Amino acid sequence: MLEVSAASYFGNPHPAVDCPKLFDSPFTFVYFTIAFHYFRLDFRMNITAQWSSGSQEDWLSQLAQAQRATRELLEREEGEQRRLGYFHTLREICQQPATWLRTAELMREHAADLGRLTHGLSCLTLSGSGSSEYAGDCVRPALRKNLGINVQAVASGALLTLGVNAMPVGRPSLMVSLARSGDSPESVGALSLIRKLSPDVRHLILTCNRQGRLANESHADPNVTVITLEDATNDRSLVMTSSFTNMALAGLFLGFLGDSVKYASVATALARGASKLLQTEIDALAQASRRPFRRVMFLGSGAHFPAAREASLKMLEMTGGRVVTGCETYLGLRHGPMSSVHDDTLVVCFLSVDPMVRAYEADVVRELARKRLGLFRILVGQEVPPNLPTSRDVVIPFTDTNLADEDLPILDVVVGQLLAFFRCLHEGLRPDIPSENGVIHRVVQAFTLHLPRT
């Protein structure tokens, strides 16, 4: 287990102190505040160490001991894992807690530069293609709340076709480009087009590939800031997993520039929650993935809806389209999409922590059960009410997190990744390269850009 108590960190600094007397002491608050911060630091140091100095296999070994499904995959020789096509994807999913902590530290190092970049902003655009777009959409609600400005997530393709008309109105404006490889035609083309059409727009590039075009072609422009995440986040698998969550976490920092300590606390809570998830819930998700569904509907409200979009895409990509997927808000499900919830449909419910929103969501979950719609449900979230799931349903709890709705999509997505990963294996496909006929690729292939004449 990675969890380390404050007591074990401190040893026994006051062996002669009686605990009741300690709590009566005027030094209690200071003592336990220090203990808490040392605990949090110790957790960050320990989990990060699991994926440094060649110790990633130690972390995987811990997961293998904790979960049978992980053990069955890892006990095979490396060559066999590569032949079966899950060597990279499994490790990229499991490395996420440690990479998040390193990404958080990296972003905090850039606080001063980012503070100048965001000073006086009127609006912010989060741009990307596919999963990168959804990563931006996942942090959009948090940025809008924390920055108090208009924040929109806009697909790179929309910027290519509509130009500045796809961006929110207002200046000064910042465009944040998110990209794993930084080589996709849309990402490179959209940045180039907006720089040409609106030179006053500021730019921030968050990418996982130091060698990509995005990271290099704009480096000399003083209006463009580039932050490259560590190479481990540049997933070798076709599907985006670690790259997605790390770019989302990096983008989230823009809303915490005035309180980087709180940002570090959120990153630590996310890492702790994901570590617990990986240690306790993989078997449940692996078993659920083998049940006879042919469709999946992902539901989410507010900030959880972009996570539903990404989870839907992960299942679609990893099963090569064999499993048909959709995503919707809970209340939106009643306006037509509920008709697609058949007997072979799995419904995945990402639950809000807000009591009022949770009440609306619970009503829809119970309505599905009452109408006998769907094969079964997976309920994901903090403190899932015991009276909400039926006997057929699966509950995936988030424990020891105490996070807001705006922060939880990153954890939601990990659940979607694991479910898709194990379904891919169940379908006889290879998670590292799930597109058997090469229909899709790790980086979208080049296509003609029809740019406006100037």
Protein backbone atom coordinates (compact mmCIF):
# COMPACT_ATOMS: atom_id res chain seq x y z
CA MET A 1 0.00 0.00 0.00
CA LEU A 2 1.17 3.52 -0.78
CA GLU A 3 -0.69 5.24 2.02
CA VAL A 4 1.66 6.44 4.72
CA SER A 5 0.39 7.72 8.04
CA ALA A 6 1.69 10.89 9.62
CA ALA A 7 2.59 8.83 12.69
CA SER A 8 4.80 6.51 10.69
CA TYR A 9 6.52 9.48 9.12
CA PHE A 10 7.23 11.17 12.42
CA GLY A 11 8.01 7.93 14.26
CA ASN A 12 7.02 8.56 17.87
CA PRO A 13 8.14 12.13 18.62
CA HIS A 14 6.33 12.38 21.95
CA PRO A 15 6.47 8.92 23.53
CA ALA A 16 5.67 10.24 27.00
CA VAL A 17 2.77 12.48 25.97
CA ASP A 18 -0.68 11.25 26.86
CA CYS A 19 -3.02 11.70 23.86
CA PRO A 20 -5.92 13.34 25.72
CA LYS A 21 -3.49 15.88 27.20
CA LEU A 22 -2.05 16.51 23.72
CA PHE A 23 -5.46 17.46 22.41
CA ASP A 24 -5.87 19.91 25.29
CA SER A 25 -2.56 21.58 24.43
CA PRO A 26 -2.48 25.05 22.83
CA PHE A 27 0.03 23.62 20.35
CA THR A 28 -2.45 21.06 18.99
CA PHE A 29 -3.46 23.00 15.90
CA VAL A 30 0.12 23.80 14.88
CA TYR A 31 1.31 20.25 15.54
CA PHE A 32 -1.37 18.52 13.52
CA THR A 33 -1.22 21.08 10.73
CA ILE A 34 2.49 20.31 10.35
CA ALA A 35 1.74 16.59 10.57
CA PHE A 36 -0.86 16.87 7.84
CA HIS A 37 1.47 18.72 5.48
CA TYR A 38 4.28 16.21 6.11
CA PHE A 39 1.83 13.40 5.40
CA ARG A 40 0.81 15.00 2.14
CA LEU A 41 4.43 15.61 1.14
CA ASP A 42 5.40 12.07 2.13
CA PHE A 43 2.56 10.63 0.04
CA ARG A 44 3.68 12.66 -2.98
CA MET A 45 7.29 11.57 -2.53
CA ASN A 46 6.39 7.90 -2.09
CA ILE A 47 4.02 7.60 -5.01
CA THR A 48 6.35 9.53 -7.31
CA ALA A 49 9.21 7.25 -6.30
CA GLN A 50 7.20 4.27 -7.52
CA TRP A 51 7.73 5.47 -11.11
CA SER A 52 11.32 6.71 -10.91
CA SER A 53 14.74 5.08 -10.85
CA GLY A 54 13.39 1.98 -12.54
CA SER A 55 10.88 1.23 -9.79
CA GLN A 56 7.77 1.31 -11.98
CA GLU A 57 7.77 -2.47 -11.87
CA ASP A 58 7.55 -2.29 -8.05
CA TRP A 59 4.35 -0.28 -8.37
CA LEU A 60 2.96 -2.71 -10.94
CA SER A 61 3.91 -5.56 -8.61
CA GLN A 62 1.87 -3.95 -5.84
CA LEU A 63 -1.11 -3.66 -8.16
CA ALA A 64 -0.68 -7.27 -9.24
CA GLN A 65 -0.76 -8.40 -5.62
CA ALA A 66 -3.89 -6.37 -4.99
CA GLN A 67 -5.93 -7.26 -8.11
CA ARG A 68 -6.21 -10.61 -9.85
CA ALA A 69 -6.91 -9.14 -13.31
CA THR A 70 -3.72 -7.09 -13.14
CA ARG A 71 -1.73 -10.08 -11.91
CA GLU A 72 -2.89 -12.29 -14.80
CA LEU A 73 -1.71 -9.68 -17.31
CA LEU A 74 1.61 -8.89 -15.68
CA GLU A 75 2.70 -12.45 -14.92
CA ARG A 76 3.23 -13.02 -18.65
CA GLU A 77 6.68 -12.39 -20.11
CA GLU A 78 7.24 -8.93 -21.58
CA GLY A 79 7.48 -10.33 -25.09
CA GLU A 80 4.09 -11.99 -24.69
CA GLN A 81 2.56 -8.76 -23.36
CA ARG A 82 3.85 -6.94 -26.42
CA ARG A 83 2.56 -9.66 -28.76
CA LEU A 84 -0.88 -9.48 -27.18
CA GLY A 85 -0.72 -5.71 -27.54
CA TYR A 86 -1.31 -4.38 -24.03
CA PHE A 87 2.23 -3.72 -22.78
CA HIS A 88 2.13 0.07 -23.25
CA THR A 89 -1.53 0.82 -22.51
CA LEU A 90 -1.55 -1.03 -19.19
CA ARG A 91 1.51 0.83 -17.96
CA GLU A 92 0.29 4.18 -19.25
CA ILE A 93 -2.97 3.82 -17.35
CA CYS A 94 -1.27 2.66 -14.17
CA GLN A 95 1.43 5.35 -14.17
CA GLN A 96 -1.07 8.20 -13.96
CA PRO A 97 -1.03 8.94 -10.20
CA ALA A 98 2.73 9.50 -10.17
CA THR A 99 2.80 11.46 -13.43
CA TRP A 100 0.08 13.78 -12.13
CA LEU A 101 2.25 14.80 -9.20
CA ARG A 102 5.19 15.53 -11.47
CA THR A 103 2.96 17.49 -13.86
CA ALA A 104 1.66 19.54 -10.93
CA GLU A 105 5.20 20.38 -9.86
CA LEU A 106 6.13 21.31 -13.44
CA MET A 107 3.17 23.66 -13.77
CA ARG A 108 3.92 25.32 -10.45
CA GLU A 109 7.43 26.07 -11.72
CA HIS A 110 5.82 28.08 -14.55
CA ALA A 111 3.50 30.07 -12.27
CA ALA A 112 5.19 33.44 -12.83
CA ASP A 113 5.20 33.15 -16.63
CA LEU A 114 1.61 31.95 -16.69
CA GLY A 115 0.57 34.77 -14.39
CA ARG A 116 1.88 37.30 -16.90
CA LEU A 117 0.26 35.40 -19.77
CA THR A 118 -3.19 35.43 -18.15
CA HIS A 119 -3.04 38.96 -16.73
CA GLY A 120 -6.12 41.00 -17.61
CA LEU A 121 -7.70 38.29 -19.75
CA SER A 122 -11.22 38.80 -21.04
CA CYS A 123 -11.71 35.29 -22.43
CA LEU A 124 -9.95 31.96 -22.90
CA THR A 125 -10.20 29.29 -25.60
CA LEU A 126 -9.20 25.67 -24.97
CA SER A 127 -8.42 24.01 -28.29
CA GLY A 128 -7.61 20.46 -29.31
CA SER A 129 -8.62 17.59 -31.55
CA GLY A 130 -10.48 14.48 -30.37
CA SER A 131 -9.41 13.54 -26.86
CA SER A 132 -7.34 16.72 -26.58
CA GLU A 133 -10.50 18.75 -27.13
CA TYR A 134 -12.28 16.76 -24.42
CA ALA A 135 -9.36 17.32 -22.04
CA GLY A 136 -9.88 21.04 -22.43
CA ASP A 137 -13.61 20.66 -21.98
CA CYS A 138 -13.03 18.75 -18.73
CA VAL A 139 -11.27 21.74 -17.14
CA ARG A 140 -13.43 24.44 -18.73
CA PRO A 141 -15.94 24.61 -15.84
CA ALA A 142 -13.17 24.93 -13.24
CA LEU A 143 -11.39 27.67 -15.19
CA ARG A 144 -14.60 29.60 -15.75
CA LYS A 145 -15.39 29.38 -12.04
CA ASN A 146 -11.92 30.27 -10.79
CA LEU A 147 -11.00 32.92 -13.37
CA GLY A 148 -14.42 34.53 -13.63
CA ILE A 149 -14.15 35.00 -17.41
CA ASN A 150 -15.68 33.47 -20.52
CA VAL A 151 -13.99 30.10 -21.16
CA GLN A 152 -14.87 27.89 -24.11
CA ALA A 153 -13.57 24.58 -25.42
CA VAL A 154 -13.37 24.70 -29.22
CA ALA A 155 -12.33 21.86 -31.51
CA SER A 156 -9.28 22.59 -33.65
CA GLY A 157 -11.39 21.59 -36.63
CA ALA A 158 -13.90 24.33 -35.79
CA LEU A 159 -11.07 26.86 -35.69
CA LEU A 160 -9.87 25.65 -39.10
CA THR A 161 -13.31 26.01 -40.67
CA LEU A 162 -14.65 29.05 -38.82
CA GLY A 163 -11.49 30.89 -37.76
CA VAL A 164 -11.85 33.53 -35.04
CA ASN A 165 -15.65 33.26 -35.34
CA ALA A 166 -15.39 30.00 -33.37
CA MET A 167 -13.67 31.78 -30.46
CA PRO A 168 -15.34 33.71 -27.65
CA VAL A 169 -15.61 37.45 -28.25
CA GLY A 170 -13.35 39.71 -26.20
CA ARG A 171 -9.78 40.92 -25.82
CA PRO A 172 -7.24 40.27 -24.37
CA SER A 173 -7.71 36.64 -25.34
CA LEU A 174 -5.70 33.50 -24.65
CA MET A 175 -5.82 30.35 -26.76
CA VAL A 176 -4.59 27.17 -25.06
CA SER A 177 -3.66 24.41 -27.53
CA LEU A 178 -3.59 20.90 -26.05
CA ALA A 179 -1.95 18.12 -28.03
CA ARG A 180 -0.29 14.80 -27.25
CA SER A 181 1.91 14.63 -30.34
CA GLY A 182 1.62 18.21 -31.55
CA ASP A 183 1.73 16.87 -35.09
CA SER A 184 -1.93 16.51 -36.05
CA PRO A 185 -2.97 18.62 -39.07
CA GLU A 186 -5.81 20.34 -37.18
CA SER A 187 -3.73 21.41 -34.18
CA VAL A 188 -0.86 22.81 -36.25
CA GLY A 189 -3.18 24.37 -38.82
CA ALA A 190 -5.51 25.96 -36.26
CA LEU A 191 -2.66 27.61 -34.36
CA SER A 192 -1.11 28.91 -37.57
CA LEU A 193 -4.45 30.26 -38.81
CA ILE A 194 -5.39 32.10 -35.60
CA ARG A 195 -1.90 33.60 -35.33
CA LYS A 196 -2.33 34.94 -38.86
CA LEU A 197 -5.94 36.16 -38.54
CA SER A 198 -5.66 37.61 -35.04
CA PRO A 199 -2.02 38.39 -34.10
CA ASP A 200 -3.04 39.93 -30.77
CA VAL A 201 -4.28 36.63 -29.35
CA ARG A 202 -1.92 35.15 -26.76
CA HIS A 203 -1.05 31.46 -27.01
CA LEU A 204 -0.16 28.67 -24.59
CA ILE A 205 0.78 25.24 -25.91
CA LEU A 206 0.50 22.22 -23.59
CA THR A 207 1.96 19.17 -25.29
CA CYS A 208 3.52 15.82 -24.42
CA ASN A 209 5.94 15.71 -27.35
CA ARG A 210 9.09 17.81 -27.25
CA GLN A 211 9.80 16.89 -30.87
CA GLY A 212 6.35 17.83 -32.20
CA ARG A 213 5.65 20.64 -34.62
CA LEU A 214 3.57 22.58 -32.10
CA ALA A 215 6.44 22.58 -29.62
CA ASN A 216 8.98 23.75 -32.17
CA GLU A 217 7.47 25.81 -34.97
CA SER A 218 6.24 28.64 -32.70
CA HIS A 219 9.07 28.66 -30.18
CA ALA A 220 10.56 31.91 -31.49
CA ASP A 221 7.26 33.82 -31.26
CA PRO A 222 7.19 35.93 -28.05
CA ASN A 223 3.40 35.68 -28.10
CA VAL A 224 3.55 31.90 -27.75
CA THR A 225 4.42 30.04 -24.53
CA VAL A 226 5.22 26.33 -24.78
CA ILE A 227 5.14 23.89 -21.85
CA THR A 228 6.13 20.32 -22.66
CA LEU A 229 5.12 17.66 -20.16
CA GLU A 230 7.49 14.80 -19.33
CA ASP A 231 8.08 12.19 -22.00
CA ALA A 232 6.32 9.47 -19.98
CA THR A 233 3.01 11.21 -20.70
CA ASN A 234 3.54 10.90 -24.46
CA ASP A 235 1.58 7.64 -24.72
CA ARG A 236 3.02 5.08 -27.11
CA SER A 237 -0.38 3.43 -27.39
CA LEU A 238 -2.77 4.55 -30.12
CA VAL A 239 -5.33 5.70 -27.55
CA MET A 240 -4.72 8.62 -25.23
CA THR A 241 -4.77 7.78 -21.52
CA SER A 242 -1.95 9.28 -19.45
CA SER A 243 -1.53 12.11 -21.95
CA PHE A 244 -5.21 13.05 -21.58
CA THR A 245 -5.30 13.28 -17.80
CA ASN A 246 -1.94 15.03 -17.54
CA MET A 247 -2.88 17.70 -20.08
CA ALA A 248 -6.18 18.21 -18.25
CA LEU A 249 -4.37 18.58 -14.93
CA ALA A 250 -1.86 20.99 -16.51
CA GLY A 251 -4.69 23.11 -17.90
CA LEU A 252 -6.41 23.11 -14.54
CA PHE A 253 -3.48 25.04 -13.06
CA LEU A 254 -4.53 28.20 -14.92
CA GLY A 255 -7.34 28.50 -12.39
CA PHE A 256 -4.98 28.18 -9.41
CA LEU A 257 -2.27 30.70 -10.28
CA GLY A 258 -3.08 32.62 -7.13
CA ASP A 259 -2.99 29.54 -4.92
CA SER A 260 -0.49 26.96 -6.14
CA VAL A 261 -0.57 25.22 -2.75
CA LYS A 262 -4.25 24.43 -3.23
CA TYR A 263 -3.49 23.17 -6.73
CA ALA A 264 -0.87 20.81 -5.31
CA SER A 265 -3.45 19.63 -2.78
CA VAL A 266 -5.95 18.87 -5.55
CA ALA A 267 -3.28 16.99 -7.54
CA THR A 268 -2.36 14.97 -4.45
CA ALA A 269 -5.99 14.12 -3.74
CA LEU A 270 -6.47 13.01 -7.35
CA ALA A 271 -3.33 10.86 -7.20
CA ARG A 272 -4.44 9.33 -3.92
CA GLY A 273 -7.91 8.60 -5.35
CA ALA A 274 -6.53 7.05 -8.52
CA SER A 275 -4.05 4.94 -6.57
CA LYS A 276 -6.87 3.58 -4.43
CA LEU A 277 -8.97 2.97 -7.53
CA LEU A 278 -6.18 1.01 -9.20
CA GLN A 279 -5.57 -1.03 -6.05
CA THR A 280 -9.20 -1.91 -5.33
CA GLU A 281 -11.48 -1.63 -8.38
CA ILE A 282 -9.68 -3.12 -11.38
CA ASP A 283 -11.16 -6.58 -10.80
CA ALA A 284 -14.69 -5.17 -10.63
CA LEU A 285 -14.23 -3.27 -13.88
CA ALA A 286 -12.59 -6.24 -15.59
CA GLN A 287 -15.54 -8.46 -14.63
CA ALA A 288 -18.04 -5.82 -15.75
CA SER A 289 -16.29 -5.51 -19.11
CA ARG A 290 -16.99 -9.18 -19.85
CA ARG A 291 -20.75 -8.95 -19.44
CA PRO A 292 -22.79 -9.24 -22.67
CA PHE A 293 -23.36 -5.59 -23.59
CA ARG A 294 -23.04 -4.30 -27.14
CA ARG A 295 -23.76 -0.64 -26.39
CA VAL A 296 -22.65 1.77 -23.68
CA MET A 297 -24.30 5.03 -22.69
CA PHE A 298 -22.16 7.33 -20.52
CA LEU A 299 -23.97 9.92 -18.40
CA GLY A 300 -22.58 13.02 -16.69
CA SER A 301 -23.72 16.43 -15.46
CA GLY A 302 -21.75 19.66 -15.60
CA ALA A 303 -18.02 19.00 -15.50
CA HIS A 304 -18.67 15.24 -15.57
CA PHE A 305 -20.23 15.40 -19.06
CA PRO A 306 -16.89 16.03 -20.87
CA ALA A 307 -15.54 12.99 -18.99
CA ALA A 308 -18.49 11.02 -20.36
CA ARG A 309 -17.54 12.18 -23.87
CA GLU A 310 -13.96 10.98 -23.40
CA ALA A 311 -15.03 7.66 -21.84
CA SER A 312 -17.39 7.12 -24.77
CA LEU A 313 -14.57 7.74 -27.24
CA LYS A 314 -12.20 5.42 -25.34
CA MET A 315 -14.68 2.52 -25.50
CA LEU A 316 -15.36 3.18 -29.19
CA GLU A 317 -11.66 3.37 -30.09
CA MET A 318 -10.50 0.41 -28.02
CA THR A 319 -13.20 -1.92 -29.35
CA GLY A 320 -12.71 -0.83 -32.96
CA GLY A 321 -16.35 0.27 -33.07
CA ARG A 322 -17.66 -3.16 -32.10
CA VAL A 323 -19.27 -1.62 -29.03
CA VAL A 324 -21.50 1.30 -29.99
CA THR A 325 -21.23 4.20 -27.58
CA GLY A 326 -23.03 7.41 -26.73
CA CYS A 327 -22.92 10.10 -24.07
CA GLU A 328 -25.55 12.40 -22.66
CA THR A 329 -26.48 14.48 -19.65
CA TYR A 330 -28.89 12.86 -17.21
CA LEU A 331 -31.74 15.25 -17.94
CA GLY A 332 -30.93 15.23 -21.65
CA LEU A 333 -31.36 11.44 -21.72
CA ARG A 334 -35.14 11.85 -21.45
CA HIS A 335 -35.28 13.91 -24.64
CA GLY A 336 -34.84 11.08 -27.11
CA PRO A 337 -31.56 9.28 -26.28
CA MET A 338 -33.30 7.08 -23.68
CA SER A 339 -34.82 5.21 -26.63
CA SER A 340 -31.35 3.86 -27.43
CA VAL A 341 -30.99 2.16 -24.02
CA HIS A 342 -31.82 -1.41 -24.99
CA ASP A 343 -31.45 -4.76 -23.27
CA ASP A 344 -27.83 -4.98 -24.42
CA THR A 345 -26.87 -1.49 -23.13
CA LEU A 346 -24.53 -0.76 -20.25
CA VAL A 347 -25.20 2.63 -18.64
CA VAL A 348 -22.20 4.25 -16.92
CA CYS A 349 -23.21 6.97 -14.48
CA PHE A 350 -20.65 9.58 -13.39
CA LEU A 351 -22.28 11.08 -10.30
CA SER A 352 -22.07 14.65 -9.05
CA VAL A 353 -21.18 15.51 -5.45
CA ASP A 354 -23.63 18.42 -5.42
CA PRO A 355 -26.74 17.30 -3.46
CA MET A 356 -29.26 18.98 -5.78
CA VAL A 357 -27.57 17.72 -8.96
CA ARG A 358 -27.20 14.25 -7.41
CA ALA A 359 -30.97 14.23 -6.69
CA TYR A 360 -31.76 14.81 -10.38
CA GLU A 361 -29.28 12.12 -11.38
CA ALA A 362 -30.67 9.61 -8.89
CA ASP A 363 -34.17 10.18 -10.29
CA VAL A 364 -32.96 9.23 -13.77
CA VAL A 365 -31.06 6.18 -12.50
CA ARG A 366 -34.19 4.97 -10.69
CA GLU A 367 -36.33 5.70 -13.75
CA LEU A 368 -34.07 3.47 -15.85
CA ALA A 369 -34.43 0.70 -13.27
CA ARG A 370 -38.20 1.16 -13.04
CA LYS A 371 -38.57 0.98 -16.84
CA ARG A 372 -36.15 -1.97 -16.94
CA LEU A 373 -33.93 -0.20 -19.45
CA GLY A 374 -30.40 -1.39 -19.97
CA LEU A 375 -28.49 -4.53 -19.08
CA PHE A 376 -26.93 -3.04 -15.94
CA ARG A 377 -25.39 0.18 -14.63
CA ILE A 378 -21.99 1.20 -13.28
CA LEU A 379 -22.31 3.97 -10.69
CA VAL A 380 -19.15 6.03 -10.25
CA GLY A 381 -18.52 8.69 -7.62
CA GLN A 382 -18.04 9.75 -4.04
CA GLU A 383 -20.38 8.32 -1.40
CA VAL A 384 -22.79 6.48 -3.73
CA PRO A 385 -26.05 5.97 -1.76
CA PRO A 386 -26.50 2.27 -0.91
CA ASN A 387 -30.17 2.38 -1.96
CA LEU A 388 -29.41 3.64 -5.49
CA PRO A 389 -27.88 0.57 -7.21
CA THR A 390 -29.89 -2.56 -7.94
CA SER A 391 -28.54 -6.07 -7.44
CA ARG A 392 -27.32 -6.12 -11.07
CA ASP A 393 -25.36 -2.87 -10.81
CA VAL A 394 -21.70 -2.19 -10.05
CA VAL A 395 -20.51 0.61 -7.75
CA ILE A 396 -17.06 2.17 -8.27
CA PRO A 397 -16.47 4.47 -5.29
CA PHE A 398 -14.04 7.36 -5.08
CA THR A 399 -12.65 7.26 -1.55
CA ASP A 400 -10.34 9.59 0.39
CA THR A 401 -10.66 12.35 -2.21
CA ASN A 402 -13.16 14.98 -0.97
CA LEU A 403 -12.91 16.80 -4.29
CA ALA A 404 -15.27 19.22 -6.01
CA ASP A 405 -17.21 18.35 -9.16
CA GLU A 406 -14.84 20.52 -11.20
CA ASP A 407 -11.87 18.31 -10.22
CA LEU A 408 -13.41 14.84 -10.46
CA PRO A 409 -13.61 14.38 -14.28
CA ILE A 410 -9.95 13.33 -14.27
CA LEU A 411 -10.86 10.37 -12.03
CA ASP A 412 -14.01 9.61 -14.03
CA VAL A 413 -11.88 9.23 -17.14
CA VAL A 414 -9.60 6.66 -15.47
CA VAL A 415 -12.67 4.47 -14.87
CA GLY A 416 -13.59 4.81 -18.53
CA GLN A 417 -10.04 3.90 -19.58
CA LEU A 418 -10.01 0.72 -17.50
CA LEU A 419 -13.44 -0.39 -18.66
CA ALA A 420 -12.46 0.14 -22.31
CA PHE A 421 -9.08 -1.53 -21.83
CA PHE A 422 -10.55 -4.76 -20.48
CA ARG A 423 -13.39 -4.78 -23.02
CA CYS A 424 -10.78 -4.45 -25.76
CA LEU A 425 -9.02 -7.57 -24.46
CA HIS A 426 -12.38 -9.38 -24.17
CA GLU A 427 -13.05 -8.58 -27.84
CA GLY A 428 -9.72 -10.21 -28.75
CA LEU A 429 -8.19 -6.89 -29.80
CA ARG A 430 -4.89 -5.28 -28.84
CA PRO A 431 -5.22 -2.11 -26.68
CA ASP A 432 -1.91 -0.68 -27.94
CA ILE A 433 -3.17 -0.90 -31.56
CA PRO A 434 -6.94 -1.60 -31.38
CA SER A 435 -7.71 -0.55 -34.98
CA GLU A 436 -7.18 -3.87 -36.77
CA ASN A 437 -7.45 -2.49 -40.29
CA GLY A 438 -5.58 0.75 -39.69
CA VAL A 439 -8.74 2.85 -39.97
CA ILE A 440 -7.46 5.21 -37.29
CA HIS A 441 -3.89 6.05 -36.32
CA ARG A 442 -2.03 7.38 -33.29
CA VAL A 443 -1.62 10.70 -35.13
CA VAL A 444 -4.21 11.75 -37.71
CA GLN A 445 -2.66 11.52 -41.14
CA ALA A 446 -2.00 14.61 -43.20
CA PHE A 447 -4.85 16.10 -45.20
CA THR A 448 -5.33 19.22 -47.31
CA LEU A 449 -5.87 22.43 -45.35
CA HIS A 450 -8.19 24.87 -47.15
CA LEU A 451 -7.03 28.13 -45.64
CA PRO A 452 -8.59 31.52 -46.41
CA ARG A 453 -6.81 33.75 -48.92
CA THR A 454 -5.30 36.87 -47.42
